[in-house]
Amino acid sequence: MVTVILQHEVKNFEEWKKVFDEDEKGRAEAGVQLMGLFTSVKNPNDVTMIFVAPGVETFNELMSDPQRQKDIERAGVIGAPAVSILNKV
């Protein structure tokens, strides 16, 4: 298991959240669990998510899915995300 911290800015949090919530089943089927969803105190459109995934490969496959990439664009994500993939010690 790995922990993934993913942060990016979105155009509009409420619109982004609708698209994000639509993907809950897809994440669950991949074995990726959302542990926390946060927005910045200074910028409510700066979103950070913490996930637990079975492994790096699983998370990378999930994120590289062409439909998911279209959904990310449709959700209004601005720029590339900052991603940290961590092992628990």
C-alpha atoms as a PDB file:
ATOM      1  CA  MET A   1       0.000   0.000   0.000  1.00  0.00           C
ATOM      2  CA  VAL A   2       1.101   3.538  -0.764  1.00  0.00           C
ATOM      3  CA  THR A   3      -0.216   6.915   0.303  1.00  0.00           C
ATOM      4  CA  VAL A   4      -0.665   9.485  -2.438  1.00  0.00           C
ATOM      5  CA  ILE A   5      -0.918  13.224  -1.820  1.00  0.00           C
ATOM      6  CA  LEU A   6      -2.187  15.038  -4.900  1.00  0.00           C
ATOM      7  CA  GLN A   7      -2.583  18.816  -5.083  1.00  0.00           C
ATOM      8  CA  HIS A   8      -3.815  21.042  -7.893  1.00  0.00           C
ATOM      9  CA  GLU A   9      -5.719  24.226  -8.526  1.00  0.00           C
ATOM     10  CA  VAL A  10      -9.166  24.191 -10.132  1.00  0.00           C
ATOM     11  CA  LYS A  11     -11.241  26.904 -11.799  1.00  0.00           C
ATOM     12  CA  ASN A  12     -14.226  26.367  -9.491  1.00  0.00           C
ATOM     13  CA  PHE A  13     -14.230  23.972  -6.535  1.00  0.00           C
ATOM     14  CA  GLU A  14     -17.968  23.229  -6.630  1.00  0.00           C
ATOM     15  CA  GLU A  15     -17.872  22.307 -10.336  1.00  0.00           C
ATOM     16  CA  TRP A  16     -14.690  20.266  -9.857  1.00  0.00           C
ATOM     17  CA  LYS A  17     -16.233  18.414  -6.876  1.00  0.00           C
ATOM     18  CA  LYS A  18     -19.210  17.271  -8.960  1.00  0.00           C
ATOM     19  CA  VAL A  19     -16.907  15.629 -11.510  1.00  0.00           C
ATOM     20  CA  PHE A  20     -14.657  14.233  -8.761  1.00  0.00           C
ATOM     21  CA  ASP A  21     -17.641  12.625  -7.002  1.00  0.00           C
ATOM     22  CA  GLU A  22     -18.763  10.996 -10.276  1.00  0.00           C
ATOM     23  CA  ASP A  23     -15.522   8.982 -10.220  1.00  0.00           C
ATOM     24  CA  GLU A  24     -15.992   7.456  -6.767  1.00  0.00           C
ATOM     25  CA  LYS A  25     -16.963   4.061  -8.233  1.00  0.00           C
ATOM     26  CA  GLY A  26     -13.950   4.034 -10.583  1.00  0.00           C
ATOM     27  CA  ARG A  27     -11.565   4.748  -7.728  1.00  0.00           C
ATOM     28  CA  ALA A  28     -13.151   2.037  -5.583  1.00  0.00           C
ATOM     29  CA  GLU A  29     -12.930  -0.529  -8.389  1.00  0.00           C
ATOM     30  CA  ALA A  30      -9.194   0.239  -8.684  1.00  0.00           C
ATOM     31  CA  GLY A  31      -8.770  -0.178  -4.924  1.00  0.00           C
ATOM     32  CA  VAL A  32      -7.946   3.497  -4.409  1.00  0.00           C
ATOM     33  CA  GLN A  33      -9.497   4.995  -1.292  1.00  0.00           C
ATOM     34  CA  LEU A  34      -9.872   8.706  -0.561  1.00  0.00           C
ATOM     35  CA  MET A  35      -8.609   9.398   2.957  1.00  0.00           C
ATOM     36  CA  GLY A  36      -9.068  13.159   2.957  1.00  0.00           C
ATOM     37  CA  LEU A  37     -10.065  16.089   0.782  1.00  0.00           C
ATOM     38  CA  PHE A  38      -8.853  19.584   1.640  1.00  0.00           C
ATOM     39  CA  THR A  39      -8.900  23.112   0.272  1.00  0.00           C
ATOM     40  CA  SER A  40      -6.397  25.828   1.062  1.00  0.00           C
ATOM     41  CA  VAL A  41      -7.360  28.419   3.660  1.00  0.00           C
ATOM     42  CA  LYS A  42      -6.064  31.117   1.310  1.00  0.00           C
ATOM     43  CA  ASN A  43      -7.560  29.726  -1.916  1.00  0.00           C
ATOM     44  CA  PRO A  44     -10.655  27.483  -1.860  1.00  0.00           C
ATOM     45  CA  ASN A  45      -9.860  26.414  -5.442  1.00  0.00           C
ATOM     46  CA  ASP A  46      -6.510  24.925  -4.359  1.00  0.00           C
ATOM     47  CA  VAL A  47      -7.397  21.281  -3.671  1.00  0.00           C
ATOM     48  CA  THR A  48      -5.370  18.589  -1.906  1.00  0.00           C
ATOM     49  CA  MET A  49      -6.420  14.941  -1.811  1.00  0.00           C
ATOM     50  CA  ILE A  50      -4.926  12.106   0.196  1.00  0.00           C
ATOM     51  CA  PHE A  51      -5.445   8.599  -1.156  1.00  0.00           C
ATOM     52  CA  VAL A  52      -4.377   5.093  -0.198  1.00  0.00           C
ATOM     53  CA  ALA A  53      -3.679   2.816  -3.177  1.00  0.00           C
ATOM     54  CA  PRO A  54      -2.574  -0.828  -3.514  1.00  0.00           C
ATOM     55  CA  GLY A  55       0.618   0.307  -5.247  1.00  0.00           C
ATOM     56  CA  VAL A  56       2.285   2.901  -7.445  1.00  0.00           C
ATOM     57  CA  GLU A  57       1.379   1.027 -10.626  1.00  0.00           C
ATOM     58  CA  THR A  58      -2.302   0.896  -9.685  1.00  0.00           C
ATOM     59  CA  PHE A  59      -2.436   4.614  -9.010  1.00  0.00           C
ATOM     60  CA  ASN A  60      -0.537   5.467 -12.188  1.00  0.00           C
ATOM     61  CA  GLU A  61      -2.857   3.266 -14.280  1.00  0.00           C
ATOM     62  CA  LEU A  62      -5.891   4.934 -12.717  1.00  0.00           C
ATOM     63  CA  MET A  63      -4.592   8.433 -13.431  1.00  0.00           C
ATOM     64  CA  SER A  64      -3.439   7.682 -16.983  1.00  0.00           C
ATOM     65  CA  ASP A  65      -6.793   6.324 -18.135  1.00  0.00           C
ATOM     66  CA  PRO A  66      -7.809   8.403 -21.216  1.00  0.00           C
ATOM     67  CA  GLN A  67     -11.381   8.921 -19.978  1.00  0.00           C
ATOM     68  CA  ARG A  68     -10.129  10.056 -16.583  1.00  0.00           C
ATOM     69  CA  GLN A  69      -7.830  12.554 -18.304  1.00  0.00           C
ATOM     70  CA  LYS A  70     -10.832  13.954 -20.199  1.00  0.00           C
ATOM     71  CA  ASP A  71     -12.782  14.169 -16.935  1.00  0.00           C
ATOM     72  CA  ILE A  72      -9.898  16.002 -15.252  1.00  0.00           C
ATOM     73  CA  GLU A  73      -9.956  18.562 -18.041  1.00  0.00           C
ATOM     74  CA  ARG A  74     -13.772  18.799 -17.883  1.00  0.00           C
ATOM     75  CA  ALA A  75     -13.541  19.370 -14.116  1.00  0.00           C
ATOM     76  CA  GLY A  76     -11.494  22.524 -14.666  1.00  0.00           C
ATOM     77  CA  VAL A  77      -8.130  21.450 -13.307  1.00  0.00           C
ATOM     78  CA  ILE A  78      -5.536  24.169 -13.872  1.00  0.00           C
ATOM     79  CA  GLY A  79      -2.057  22.914 -14.747  1.00  0.00           C
ATOM     80  CA  ALA A  80      -0.287  19.731 -13.767  1.00  0.00           C
ATOM     81  CA  PRO A  81      -0.846  18.329 -10.285  1.00  0.00           C
ATOM     82  CA  ALA A  82       1.832  18.062  -7.628  1.00  0.00           C
ATOM     83  CA  VAL A  83       1.957  14.395  -6.640  1.00  0.00           C
ATOM     84  CA  SER A  84       3.790  12.706  -3.771  1.00  0.00           C
ATOM     85  CA  ILE A  85       3.679   8.913  -3.476  1.00  0.00           C
ATOM     86  CA  LEU A  86       4.785   7.707  -0.057  1.00  0.00           C
ATOM     87  CA  ASN A  87       5.591   4.443   1.692  1.00  0.00           C
ATOM     88  CA  LYS A  88       4.599   4.165   5.337  1.00  0.00           C
ATOM     89  CA  VAL A  89       7.573   3.431   7.594  1.00  0.00           C
END
